[in-house]
């Protein structure tokens, strides 16, 4: 298995938009990535993946960041 995830284009666009919106909201609130990671209970690397709309980030990571 190559590790490449094949998702429909509309799904990929939606994930990238969600990640971009999360990044914008974090920056608007002047919250550092480290602080957001601490609050969400995950690593800065995971926050980075979420903000990029990476499909390999778990739904739990997205949910933790949103709430």
Protein backbone atom coordinates (compact mmCIF):
# COMPACT_ATOMS: atom_id res chain seq x y z
CA UNK A 1 0.00 0.00 0.00
CA UNK A 2 1.45 3.37 -1.03
CA UNK A 3 0.02 5.48 1.80
CA UNK A 4 -1.67 7.87 -0.62
CA UNK A 5 -5.26 8.68 0.25
CA UNK A 6 -7.61 9.11 -2.68
CA UNK A 7 -10.64 11.21 -1.82
CA UNK A 8 -13.13 12.90 -4.12
CA UNK A 9 -12.05 16.40 -5.18
CA UNK A 10 -14.97 18.15 -3.40
CA UNK A 11 -14.01 16.41 -0.15
CA UNK A 12 -10.38 17.50 -0.49
CA UNK A 13 -11.47 21.08 -1.20
CA UNK A 14 -13.76 21.07 1.84
CA UNK A 15 -10.98 19.74 4.09
CA UNK A 16 -8.52 22.37 2.85
CA UNK A 17 -11.14 25.10 3.40
CA UNK A 18 -11.86 23.83 6.92
CA UNK A 19 -8.13 23.77 7.70
CA UNK A 20 -7.70 27.27 6.32
CA UNK A 21 -10.64 28.53 8.39
CA UNK A 22 -9.19 26.95 11.53
CA UNK A 23 -5.83 28.57 10.83
CA UNK A 24 -7.44 31.98 10.24
CA UNK A 25 -9.47 31.75 13.44
CA UNK A 26 -6.40 30.80 15.47
CA UNK A 27 -4.38 33.69 14.06
CA UNK A 28 -7.25 36.16 14.53
CA UNK A 29 -7.41 35.18 18.20
CA UNK A 30 -3.60 35.41 18.44
CA UNK A 31 -3.33 31.89 19.80
CA UNK A 32 -0.01 30.17 19.20
CA UNK A 33 0.11 26.74 17.65
CA UNK A 34 1.73 25.41 20.84
CA UNK A 35 -1.09 26.75 23.01
CA UNK A 36 -3.74 25.40 20.66
CA UNK A 37 -2.04 22.00 20.71
CA UNK A 38 -1.96 22.04 24.50
CA UNK A 39 -5.65 22.94 24.72
CA UNK A 40 -6.62 20.32 22.15
CA UNK A 41 -4.46 17.64 23.76
CA UNK A 42 -2.39 16.89 20.69
CA UNK A 43 0.96 17.84 19.16
CA UNK A 44 1.88 20.92 17.14
CA UNK A 45 2.51 18.57 14.22
CA UNK A 46 -1.12 17.39 14.41
CA UNK A 47 -2.36 21.00 14.55
CA UNK A 48 -0.26 21.72 11.47
CA UNK A 49 -1.83 18.77 9.65
CA UNK A 50 -5.34 19.91 10.63
CA UNK A 51 -4.66 23.46 9.43
CA UNK A 52 -3.41 22.12 6.09
CA UNK A 53 -6.54 19.99 5.67
CA UNK A 54 -4.50 16.81 5.70
CA UNK A 55 -6.83 13.78 5.41
CA UNK A 56 -4.47 11.67 7.53
CA UNK A 57 -5.30 13.74 10.63
CA UNK A 58 -7.95 11.97 12.66
CA UNK A 59 -11.50 13.23 13.02
CA UNK A 60 -10.80 13.35 16.76
CA UNK A 61 -8.02 15.86 16.10
CA UNK A 62 -10.36 18.04 14.03
CA UNK A 63 -13.04 17.82 16.72
CA UNK A 64 -10.56 18.65 19.51
CA UNK A 65 -9.34 21.72 17.64
CA UNK A 66 -12.88 22.92 16.90
CA UNK A 67 -14.07 22.56 20.50
